[in-house]
PDB file of N, CA and C in Angstrom:
ATOM      1  N   MET A   1      -9.312-126.243  34.665  1.00  0.00           N
ATOM      2  CA  MET A   1     -10.519-126.930  35.052  1.00  0.00           C
ATOM      3  C   MET A   1     -10.137-128.014  36.049  1.00  0.00           C
ATOM      4  N   ALA A   2     -10.951-128.223  37.050  1.00  0.00           N
ATOM      5  CA  ALA A   2     -10.669-129.205  38.089  1.00  0.00           C
ATOM      6  C   ALA A   2     -10.862-130.609  37.536  1.00  0.00           C
ATOM      7  N   GLY A   3      -9.880-131.462  37.808  1.00  0.00           N
ATOM      8  CA  GLY A   3      -9.983-132.855  37.419  1.00  0.00           C
ATOM      9  C   GLY A   3     -10.502-133.682  38.585  1.00  0.00           C
ATOM     10  N   ILE A   4     -10.541-134.998  38.398  1.00  0.00           N
ATOM     11  CA  ILE A   4     -11.059-135.872  39.440  1.00  0.00           C
ATOM     12  C   ILE A   4     -10.204-135.800  40.694  1.00  0.00           C
ATOM     13  N   ASN A   5      -8.893-135.735  40.545  1.00  0.00           N
ATOM     14  CA  ASN A   5      -7.990-135.725  41.691  1.00  0.00           C
ATOM     15  C   ASN A   5      -7.566-134.321  42.107  1.00  0.00           C
ATOM     16  N   SER A   6      -8.201-133.296  41.592  1.00  0.00           N
ATOM     17  CA  SER A   6      -7.836-131.918  41.918  1.00  0.00           C
ATOM     18  C   SER A   6      -8.413-131.515  43.266  1.00  0.00           C
ATOM     19  N   GLU A   7      -7.754-130.559  43.893  1.00  0.00           N
ATOM     20  CA  GLU A   7      -8.218-130.040  45.167  1.00  0.00           C
ATOM     21  C   GLU A   7      -8.935-128.725  44.936  1.00  0.00           C
ATOM     22  N   ILE A   8     -10.093-128.551  45.545  1.00  0.00           N
ATOM     23  CA  ILE A   8     -10.866-127.319  45.428  1.00  0.00           C
ATOM     24  C   ILE A   8     -10.865-126.635  46.780  1.00  0.00           C
ATOM     25  N   THR A   9     -10.508-125.354  46.798  1.00  0.00           N
ATOM     26  CA  THR A   9     -10.480-124.590  48.031  1.00  0.00           C
ATOM     27  C   THR A   9     -11.594-123.561  48.007  1.00  0.00           C
ATOM     28  N   ILE A  10     -12.397-123.519  49.063  1.00  0.00           N
ATOM     29  CA  ILE A  10     -13.459-122.532  49.181  1.00  0.00           C
ATOM     30  C   ILE A  10     -13.046-121.523  50.234  1.00  0.00           C
ATOM     31  N   SER A  11     -13.099-120.233  49.878  1.00  0.00           N
ATOM     32  CA  SER A  11     -12.639-119.185  50.777  1.00  0.00           C
ATOM     33  C   SER A  11     -13.630-118.024  50.772  1.00  0.00           C
ATOM     34  N   THR A  12     -13.721-117.333  51.911  1.00  0.00           N
ATOM     35  CA  THR A  12     -14.585-116.158  51.975  1.00  0.00           C
ATOM     36  C   THR A  12     -13.820-114.886  51.636  1.00  0.00           C
ATOM     37  N   GLU A  13     -12.528-115.016  51.345  1.00  0.00           N
ATOM     38  CA  GLU A  13     -11.705-113.861  50.993  1.00  0.00           C
ATOM     39  C   GLU A  13     -12.160-113.289  49.650  1.00  0.00           C
ATOM     40  N   LYS A  14     -12.225-111.976  49.565  1.00  0.00           N
ATOM     41  CA  LYS A  14     -12.655-111.322  48.333  1.00  0.00           C
ATOM     42  C   LYS A  14     -11.561-111.465  47.270  1.00  0.00           C
ATOM     43  N   ARG A  15     -11.986-111.625  46.009  1.00  0.00           N
ATOM     44  CA  ARG A  15     -11.037-111.790  44.908  1.00  0.00           C
ATOM     45  C   ARG A  15     -10.958-110.519  44.087  1.00  0.00           C
ATOM     46  N   LEU A  16      -9.745-110.133  43.729  1.00  0.00           N
ATOM     47  CA  LEU A  16      -9.542-108.973  42.871  1.00  0.00           C
ATOM     48  C   LEU A  16      -9.827-109.380  41.433  1.00  0.00           C
ATOM     49  N   CYS A  17     -10.414-108.465  40.665  1.00  0.00           N
ATOM     50  CA  CYS A  17     -10.728-108.748  39.278  1.00  0.00           C
ATOM     51  C   CYS A  17     -10.729-107.466  38.461  1.00  0.00           C
ATOM     52  N   VAL A  18     -10.807-107.633  37.160  1.00  0.00           N
ATOM     53  CA  VAL A  18     -10.914-106.519  36.221  1.00  0.00           C
ATOM     54  C   VAL A  18     -12.160-106.756  35.386  1.00  0.00           C
ATOM     55  N   VAL A  19     -13.041-105.755  35.333  1.00  0.00           N
ATOM     56  CA  VAL A  19     -14.266-105.839  34.533  1.00  0.00           C
ATOM     57  C   VAL A  19     -14.187-104.749  33.472  1.00  0.00           C
ATOM     58  N   ASP A  20     -14.007-105.155  32.221  1.00  0.00           N
ATOM     59  CA  ASP A  20     -13.871-104.188  31.123  1.00  0.00           C
ATOM     60  C   ASP A  20     -12.896-103.067  31.477  1.00  0.00           C
ATOM     61  N   ASP A  21     -11.682-103.424  31.913  1.00  0.00           N
ATOM     62  CA  ASP A  21     -10.590-102.494  32.252  1.00  0.00           C
ATOM     63  C   ASP A  21     -10.858-101.639  33.487  1.00  0.00           C
ATOM     64  N   ARG A  22     -11.829-102.011  34.319  1.00  0.00           N
ATOM     65  CA  ARG A  22     -12.062-101.320  35.598  1.00  0.00           C
ATOM     66  C   ARG A  22     -11.715-102.266  36.733  1.00  0.00           C
ATOM     67  N   LYS A  23     -10.914-101.801  37.692  1.00  0.00           N
ATOM     68  CA  LYS A  23     -10.554-102.610  38.842  1.00  0.00           C
ATOM     69  C   LYS A  23     -11.772-102.807  39.735  1.00  0.00           C
ATOM     70  N   ALA A  24     -11.927-104.025  40.264  1.00  0.00           N
ATOM     71  CA  ALA A  24     -13.078-104.341  41.102  1.00  0.00           C
ATOM     72  C   ALA A  24     -12.735-105.451  42.082  1.00  0.00           C
ATOM     73  N   ILE A  25     -13.629-105.652  43.037  1.00  0.00           N
ATOM     74  CA  ILE A  25     -13.538-106.768  43.962  1.00  0.00           C
ATOM     75  C   ILE A  25     -14.738-107.663  43.692  1.00  0.00           C
ATOM     76  N   PHE A  26     -14.477-108.933  43.421  1.00  0.00           N
ATOM     77  CA  PHE A  26     -15.536-109.907  43.198  1.00  0.00           C
ATOM     78  C   PHE A  26     -16.086-110.326  44.559  1.00  0.00           C
ATOM     79  N   HIS A  27     -17.418-110.281  44.715  1.00  0.00           N
ATOM     80  CA  HIS A  27     -18.037-110.692  45.976  1.00  0.00           C
ATOM     81  C   HIS A  27     -18.620-112.096  45.892  1.00  0.00           C
ATOM     82  N   LYS A  28     -19.463-112.366  44.876  1.00  0.00           N
ATOM     83  CA  LYS A  28     -20.040-113.699  44.759  1.00  0.00           C
ATOM     84  C   LYS A  28     -20.772-113.858  43.433  1.00  0.00           C
ATOM     85  N   TRP A  29     -21.117-115.115  43.118  1.00  0.00           N
ATOM     86  CA  TRP A  29     -21.954-115.425  41.972  1.00  0.00           C
ATOM     87  C   TRP A  29     -23.409-115.347  42.418  1.00  0.00           C
ATOM     88  N   VAL A  30     -24.272-114.826  41.558  1.00  0.00           N
ATOM     89  CA  VAL A  30     -25.697-114.695  41.867  1.00  0.00           C
ATOM     90  C   VAL A  30     -26.490-115.305  40.712  1.00  0.00           C
ATOM     91  N   GLU A  31     -27.452-116.163  41.048  1.00  0.00           N
ATOM     92  CA  GLU A  31     -28.306-116.743  40.011  1.00  0.00           C
ATOM     93  C   GLU A  31     -29.573-115.902  39.885  1.00  0.00           C
ATOM     94  N   ILE A  32     -29.842-115.443  38.680  1.00  0.00           N
ATOM     95  CA  ILE A  32     -31.040-114.663  38.373  1.00  0.00           C
ATOM     96  C   ILE A  32     -32.005-115.584  37.629  1.00  0.00           C
ATOM     97  N   SER A  33     -33.254-115.604  38.051  1.00  0.00           N
ATOM     98  CA  SER A  33     -34.239-116.421  37.340  1.00  0.00           C
ATOM     99  C   SER A  33     -35.604-115.747  37.403  1.00  0.00           C
ATOM    100  N   TYR A  34     -36.391-116.001  36.385  1.00  0.00           N
ATOM    101  CA  TYR A  34     -37.739-115.459  36.337  1.00  0.00           C
ATOM    102  C   TYR A  34     -38.608-116.345  35.439  1.00  0.00           C
ATOM    103  N   PRO A  35     -39.916-116.394  35.741  1.00  0.00           N
ATOM    104  CA  PRO A  35     -40.809-117.227  34.925  1.00  0.00           C
ATOM    105  C   PRO A  35     -41.162-116.533  33.609  1.00  0.00           C
ATOM    106  N   VAL A  36     -41.448-117.339  32.613  1.00  0.00           N
ATOM    107  CA  VAL A  36     -41.923-116.810  31.330  1.00  0.00           C
ATOM    108  C   VAL A  36     -43.192-117.569  30.943  1.00  0.00           C
ATOM    109  N   GLY A  37     -44.115-116.856  30.331  1.00  0.00           N
ATOM    110  CA  GLY A  37     -45.362-117.476  29.892  1.00  0.00           C
ATOM    111  C   GLY A  37     -45.167-118.240  28.596  1.00  0.00           C
ATOM    112  N   GLU A  38     -46.144-119.057  28.271  1.00  0.00           N
ATOM    113  CA  GLU A  38     -46.035-119.806  27.019  1.00  0.00           C
ATOM    114  C   GLU A  38     -46.206-118.875  25.819  1.00  0.00           C
ATOM    115  N   SER A  39     -45.682-119.283  24.714  1.00  0.00           N
ATOM    116  CA  SER A  39     -45.750-118.490  23.499  1.00  0.00           C
ATOM    117  C   SER A  39     -47.189-118.384  23.010  1.00  0.00           C
ATOM    118  N   ALA A  40     -47.534-117.226  22.460  1.00  0.00           N
ATOM    119  CA  ALA A  40     -48.874-117.024  21.907  1.00  0.00           C
ATOM    120  C   ALA A  40     -48.995-117.648  20.514  1.00  0.00           C
ATOM    121  N   PHE A  41     -47.862-118.056  19.931  1.00  0.00           N
ATOM    122  CA  PHE A  41     -47.859-118.615  18.584  1.00  0.00           C
ATOM    123  C   PHE A  41     -48.008-120.132  18.615  1.00  0.00           C
ATOM    124  N   ARG A  42     -48.693-120.655  17.633  1.00  0.00           N
ATOM    125  CA  ARG A  42     -48.887-122.103  17.523  1.00  0.00           C
ATOM    126  C   ARG A  42     -47.524-122.780  17.355  1.00  0.00           C
ATOM    127  N   GLY A  43     -47.283-123.790  18.182  1.00  0.00           N
ATOM    128  CA  GLY A  43     -46.016-124.513  18.106  1.00  0.00           C
ATOM    129  C   GLY A  43     -44.873-123.810  18.820  1.00  0.00           C
ATOM    130  N   GLY A  44     -45.169-122.701  19.488  1.00  0.00           N
ATOM    131  CA  GLY A  44     -44.128-121.964  20.207  1.00  0.00           C
ATOM    132  C   GLY A  44     -43.723-122.667  21.490  1.00  0.00           C
ATOM    133  N   PRO A  45     -42.707-122.135  22.178  1.00  0.00           N
ATOM    134  CA  PRO A  45     -42.233-122.777  23.397  1.00  0.00           C
ATOM    135  C   PRO A  45     -43.263-122.716  24.525  1.00  0.00           C
ATOM    136  N   PRO A  46     -43.267-123.718  25.392  1.00  0.00           N
ATOM    137  CA  PRO A  46     -44.200-123.722  26.521  1.00  0.00           C
ATOM    138  C   PRO A  46     -43.731-122.758  27.614  1.00  0.00           C
ATOM    139  N   ALA A  47     -44.557-122.580  28.629  1.00  0.00           N
ATOM    140  CA  ALA A  47     -44.169-121.749  29.771  1.00  0.00           C
ATOM    141  C   ALA A  47     -42.992-122.412  30.478  1.00  0.00           C
ATOM    142  N   GLY A  48     -42.206-121.604  31.167  1.00  0.00           N
ATOM    143  CA  GLY A  48     -41.052-122.157  31.861  1.00  0.00           C
ATOM    144  C   GLY A  48     -40.350-121.098  32.680  1.00  0.00           C
ATOM    145  N   GLN A  49     -39.065-121.263  32.805  1.00  0.00           N
ATOM    146  CA  GLN A  49     -38.272-120.345  33.610  1.00  0.00           C
ATOM    147  C   GLN A  49     -36.961-120.061  32.907  1.00  0.00           C
ATOM    148  N   VAL A  50     -36.543-118.792  32.924  1.00  0.00           N
ATOM    149  CA  VAL A  50     -35.250-118.381  32.391  1.00  0.00           C
ATOM    150  C   VAL A  50     -34.327-118.194  33.581  1.00  0.00           C
ATOM    151  N   SER A  51     -33.112-118.719  33.475  1.00  0.00           N
ATOM    152  CA  SER A  51     -32.165-118.628  34.582  1.00  0.00           C
ATOM    153  C   SER A  51     -30.761-118.388  34.028  1.00  0.00           C
ATOM    154  N   TYR A  52     -30.001-117.500  34.685  1.00  0.00           N
ATOM    155  CA  TYR A  52     -28.615-117.252  34.300  1.00  0.00           C
ATOM    156  C   TYR A  52     -27.840-116.759  35.516  1.00  0.00           C
ATOM    157  N   VAL A  53     -26.510-116.792  35.416  1.00  0.00           N
ATOM    158  CA  VAL A  53     -25.647-116.424  36.535  1.00  0.00           C
ATOM    159  C   VAL A  53     -24.921-115.122  36.218  1.00  0.00           C
ATOM    160  N   VAL A  54     -24.834-114.231  37.216  1.00  0.00           N
ATOM    161  CA  VAL A  54     -24.082-112.985  37.088  1.00  0.00           C
ATOM    162  C   VAL A  54     -23.081-112.908  38.237  1.00  0.00           C
ATOM    163  N   ALA A  55     -22.071-112.053  38.079  1.00  0.00           N
ATOM    164  CA  ALA A  55     -21.094-111.817  39.141  1.00  0.00           C
ATOM    165  C   ALA A  55     -21.451-110.522  39.857  1.00  0.00           C
ATOM    166  N   LEU A  56     -21.362-110.526  41.162  1.00  0.00           N
ATOM    167  CA  LEU A  56     -21.594-109.321  41.952  1.00  0.00           C
ATOM    168  C   LEU A  56     -20.228-108.739  42.298  1.00  0.00           C
ATOM    169  N   VAL A  57     -19.924-107.534  41.763  1.00  0.00           N
ATOM    170  CA  VAL A  57     -18.618-106.911  41.971  1.00  0.00           C
ATOM    171  C   VAL A  57     -18.772-105.512  42.548  1.00  0.00           C
ATOM    172  N   GLU A  58     -17.714-105.053  43.209  1.00  0.00           N
ATOM    173  CA  GLU A  58     -17.678-103.704  43.771  1.00  0.00           C
ATOM    174  C   GLU A  58     -16.474-102.985  43.177  1.00  0.00           C
ATOM    175  N   TYR A  59     -16.711-101.805  42.596  1.00  0.00           N
ATOM    176  CA  TYR A  59     -15.642-101.023  41.988  1.00  0.00           C
ATOM    177  C   TYR A  59     -14.942-100.142  43.020  1.00  0.00           C
ATOM    178  N   GLU A  60     -13.827 -99.532  42.622  1.00  0.00           N
ATOM    179  CA  GLU A  60     -13.022 -98.696  43.524  1.00  0.00           C
ATOM    180  C   GLU A  60     -13.814 -97.538  44.117  1.00  0.00           C
ATOM    181  N   ASP A  61     -14.768 -97.004  43.358  1.00  0.00           N
ATOM    182  CA  ASP A  61     -15.547 -95.861  43.853  1.00  0.00           C
ATOM    183  C   ASP A  61     -16.690 -96.286  44.777  1.00  0.00           C
ATOM    184  N   GLY A  62     -16.819 -97.603  45.054  1.00  0.00           N
ATOM    185  CA  GLY A  62     -17.833 -98.097  45.972  1.00  0.00           C
ATOM    186  C   GLY A  62     -19.117 -98.556  45.321  1.00  0.00           C
ATOM    187  N   THR A  63     -19.263 -98.344  44.026  1.00  0.00           N
ATOM    188  CA  THR A  63     -20.477 -98.799  43.358  1.00  0.00           C
ATOM    189  C   THR A  63     -20.451-100.319  43.202  1.00  0.00           C
ATOM    190  N   VAL A  64     -21.621-100.925  43.294  1.00  0.00           N
ATOM    191  CA  VAL A  64     -21.773-102.367  43.169  1.00  0.00           C
ATOM    192  C   VAL A  64     -22.562-102.640  41.901  1.00  0.00           C
ATOM    193  N   GLU A  65     -22.151-103.669  41.157  1.00  0.00           N
ATOM    194  CA  GLU A  65     -22.815-103.972  39.889  1.00  0.00           C
ATOM    195  C   GLU A  65     -22.971-105.473  39.710  1.00  0.00           C
ATOM    196  N   ARG A  66     -24.085-105.857  39.101  1.00  0.00           N
ATOM    197  CA  ARG A  66     -24.246-107.234  38.645  1.00  0.00           C
ATOM    198  C   ARG A  66     -23.640-107.294  37.248  1.00  0.00           C
ATOM    199  N   VAL A  67     -22.644-108.132  37.056  1.00  0.00           N
ATOM    200  CA  VAL A  67     -21.947-108.223  35.778  1.00  0.00           C
ATOM    201  C   VAL A  67     -22.473-109.434  35.016  1.00  0.00           C
ATOM    202  N   ASN A  68     -23.153-109.170  33.913  1.00  0.00           N
ATOM    203  CA  ASN A  68     -23.635-110.231  33.034  1.00  0.00           C
ATOM    204  C   ASN A  68     -22.461-110.639  32.145  1.00  0.00           C
ATOM    205  N   LEU A  69     -22.021-111.881  32.261  1.00  0.00           N
ATOM    206  CA  LEU A  69     -20.815-112.330  31.570  1.00  0.00           C
ATOM    207  C   LEU A  69     -20.983-112.414  30.061  1.00  0.00           C
ATOM    208  N   SER A  70     -22.206-112.373  29.565  1.00  0.00           N
ATOM    209  CA  SER A  70     -22.397-112.360  28.117  1.00  0.00           C
ATOM    210  C   SER A  70     -22.236-110.946  27.552  1.00  0.00           C
ATOM    211  N   GLU A  71     -22.179-109.939  28.433  1.00  0.00           N
ATOM    212  CA  GLU A  71     -22.057-108.555  27.993  1.00  0.00           C
ATOM    213  C   GLU A  71     -20.714-107.918  28.353  1.00  0.00           C
ATOM    214  N   LYS A  72     -20.065-108.397  29.415  1.00  0.00           N
ATOM    215  CA  LYS A  72     -18.818-107.803  29.874  1.00  0.00           C
ATOM    216  C   LYS A  72     -17.780-108.879  30.131  1.00  0.00           C
ATOM    217  N   LYS A  73     -16.510-108.457  30.080  1.00  0.00           N
ATOM    218  CA  LYS A  73     -15.403-109.385  30.299  1.00  0.00           C
ATOM    219  C   LYS A  73     -14.925-109.263  31.740  1.00  0.00           C
ATOM    220  N   LEU A  74     -14.886-110.382  32.461  1.00  0.00           N
ATOM    221  CA  LEU A  74     -14.438-110.413  33.843  1.00  0.00           C
ATOM    222  C   LEU A  74     -13.192-111.283  33.923  1.00  0.00           C
ATOM    223  N   ILE A  75     -12.098-110.733  34.483  1.00  0.00           N
ATOM    224  CA  ILE A  75     -10.833-111.460  34.603  1.00  0.00           C
ATOM    225  C   ILE A  75     -10.401-111.434  36.063  1.00  0.00           C
ATOM    226  N   PHE A  76     -10.141-112.608  36.636  1.00  0.00           N
ATOM    227  CA  PHE A  76      -9.641-112.681  38.005  1.00  0.00           C
ATOM    228  C   PHE A  76      -8.127-112.520  38.011  1.00  0.00           C
ATOM    229  N   VAL A  77      -7.589-111.884  39.037  1.00  0.00           N
ATOM    230  CA  VAL A  77      -6.146-111.628  39.126  1.00  0.00           C
ATOM    231  C   VAL A  77      -5.547-112.322  40.351  1.00  0.00           C
ATOM    232  N   ASP A  78      -5.976-113.545  40.645  1.00  0.00           N
ATOM    233  CA  ASP A  78      -5.529-114.281  41.824  1.00  0.00           C
ATOM    234  C   ASP A  78      -4.020-114.508  41.866  1.00  0.00           C
ATOM    235  N   ASN A  79      -3.381-114.665  40.730  1.00  0.00           N
ATOM    236  CA  ASN A  79      -1.965-115.014  40.716  1.00  0.00           C
ATOM    237  C   ASN A  79      -1.040-113.813  40.874  1.00  0.00           C
ATOM    238  N   LEU A  80      -1.588-112.634  41.055  1.00  0.00           N
ATOM    239  CA  LEU A  80      -0.769-111.435  41.162  1.00  0.00           C
ATOM    240  C   LEU A  80      -0.679-110.972  42.608  1.00  0.00           C
ATOM    241  N   VAL A  81       0.373-110.256  42.929  1.00  0.00           N
ATOM    242  CA  VAL A  81       0.567-109.733  44.278  1.00  0.00           C
ATOM    243  C   VAL A  81      -0.459-108.634  44.541  1.00  0.00           C
ATOM    244  N   ASN A  82      -1.098-108.650  45.722  1.00  0.00           N
ATOM    245  CA  ASN A  82      -2.157-107.698  46.024  1.00  0.00           C
ATOM    246  C   ASN A  82      -1.699-106.252  45.965  1.00  0.00           C
ATOM    247  N   ASN A  83      -0.481-105.933  46.422  1.00  0.00           N
ATOM    248  CA  ASN A  83      -0.065-104.532  46.401  1.00  0.00           C
ATOM    249  C   ASN A  83       0.137-104.023  44.985  1.00  0.00           C
ATOM    250  N   MET A  84       0.392-104.921  44.036  1.00  0.00           N
ATOM    251  CA  MET A  84       0.493-104.514  42.631  1.00  0.00           C
ATOM    252  C   MET A  84      -0.851-103.965  42.161  1.00  0.00           C
ATOM    253  N   TRP A  85      -1.932-104.507  42.693  1.00  0.00           N
ATOM    254  CA  TRP A  85      -3.282-104.074  42.330  1.00  0.00           C
ATOM    255  C   TRP A  85      -3.478-102.586  42.588  1.00  0.00           C
ATOM    256  N   TYR A  86      -2.981-102.110  43.710  1.00  0.00           N
ATOM    257  CA  TYR A  86      -3.194-100.723  44.095  1.00  0.00           C
ATOM    258  C   TYR A  86      -2.176 -99.774  43.476  1.00  0.00           C
ATOM    259  N   GLU A  87      -1.082-100.311  42.956  1.00  0.00           N
ATOM    260  CA  GLU A  87      -0.034 -99.470  42.387  1.00  0.00           C
ATOM    261  C   GLU A  87      -0.049 -99.439  40.863  1.00  0.00           C
ATOM    262  N   SER A  88      -0.887-100.231  40.235  1.00  0.00           N
ATOM    263  CA  SER A  88      -0.883-100.347  38.778  1.00  0.00           C
ATOM    264  C   SER A  88      -2.245-100.042  38.186  1.00  0.00           C
ATOM    265  N   SER A  89      -2.239 -99.742  36.922  1.00  0.00           N
ATOM    266  CA  SER A  89      -3.508 -99.543  36.218  1.00  0.00           C
ATOM    267  C   SER A  89      -4.059-100.893  35.797  1.00  0.00           C
ATOM    268  N   ALA A  90      -5.317-100.935  35.439  1.00  0.00           N
ATOM    269  CA  ALA A  90      -5.947-102.175  34.999  1.00  0.00           C
ATOM    270  C   ALA A  90      -5.243-102.740  33.767  1.00  0.00           C
ATOM    271  N   ALA A  91      -4.764-101.869  32.875  1.00  0.00           N
ATOM    272  CA  ALA A  91      -4.064-102.326  31.669  1.00  0.00           C
ATOM    273  C   ALA A  91      -2.765-103.034  32.036  1.00  0.00           C
ATOM    274  N   ASP A  92      -2.034-102.513  33.028  1.00  0.00           N
ATOM    275  CA  ASP A  92      -0.789-103.154  33.471  1.00  0.00           C
ATOM    276  C   ASP A  92      -1.077-104.531  34.052  1.00  0.00           C
ATOM    277  N   ILE A  93      -2.140-104.634  34.840  1.00  0.00           N
ATOM    278  CA  ILE A  93      -2.513-105.919  35.431  1.00  0.00           C
ATOM    279  C   ILE A  93      -2.896-106.903  34.335  1.00  0.00           C
ATOM    280  N   TYR A  94      -3.658-106.427  33.363  1.00  0.00           N
ATOM    281  CA  TYR A  94      -4.059-107.294  32.258  1.00  0.00           C
ATOM    282  C   TYR A  94      -2.833-107.805  31.505  1.00  0.00           C
ATOM    283  N   ASN A  95      -1.863-106.920  31.228  1.00  0.00           N
ATOM    284  CA  ASN A  95      -0.642-107.333  30.529  1.00  0.00           C
ATOM    285  C   ASN A  95       0.149-108.342  31.338  1.00  0.00           C
ATOM    286  N   LYS A  96       0.232-108.143  32.650  1.00  0.00           N
ATOM    287  CA  LYS A  96       0.940-109.074  33.513  1.00  0.00           C
ATOM    288  C   LYS A  96       0.241-110.430  33.515  1.00  0.00           C
ATOM    289  N   MET A  97      -1.080-110.413  33.491  1.00  0.00           N
ATOM    290  CA  MET A  97      -1.834-111.671  33.457  1.00  0.00           C
ATOM    291  C   MET A  97      -1.544-112.434  32.175  1.00  0.00           C
ATOM    292  N   GLN A  98      -1.378-111.728  31.078  1.00  0.00           N
ATOM    293  CA  GLN A  98      -1.062-112.376  29.816  1.00  0.00           C
ATOM    294  C   GLN A  98       0.306-113.060  29.893  1.00  0.00           C
ATOM    295  N   GLU A  99       1.264-112.422  30.574  1.00  0.00           N
ATOM    296  CA  GLU A  99       2.596-113.010  30.744  1.00  0.00           C
ATOM    297  C   GLU A  99       2.518-114.274  31.587  1.00  0.00           C
ATOM    298  N   VAL A 100       1.711-114.250  32.651  1.00  0.00           N
ATOM    299  CA  VAL A 100       1.583-115.393  33.558  1.00  0.00           C
ATOM    300  C   VAL A 100       0.971-116.588  32.829  1.00  0.00           C
ATOM    301  N   SER A 101      -0.015-116.334  31.967  1.00  0.00           N
ATOM    302  CA  SER A 101      -0.718-117.423  31.303  1.00  0.00           C
ATOM    303  C   SER A 101       0.081-118.049  30.151  1.00  0.00           C
ATOM    304  N   GLU A 102       1.139-117.405  29.712  1.00  0.00           N
ATOM    305  CA  GLU A 102       1.930-117.943  28.583  1.00  0.00           C
ATOM    306  C   GLU A 102       2.967-118.931  29.023  1.00  0.00           C
TER     307      GLU A 102
END
């Protein structure tokens, strides 16, 4: 987590990631929101808006998916060499990530 004196770098470079053991490229965060009406029940919640964030990723086969983080596991592989990504399975990358974090 970034502290007060930490440096934050913003880059347009795509990040490699693993989504439920599938290799993917992370494109960006997307905020999804929609209005909701007030509850029909007495004492229920008032009208408002529901909002949450999803990740937009592209898999090896070219399909693009919105990844809801409450339903799927997304792991970034920034600390690994890029050519390892193309030569290894997602399980190998995951195991290597576990070694790096220890």
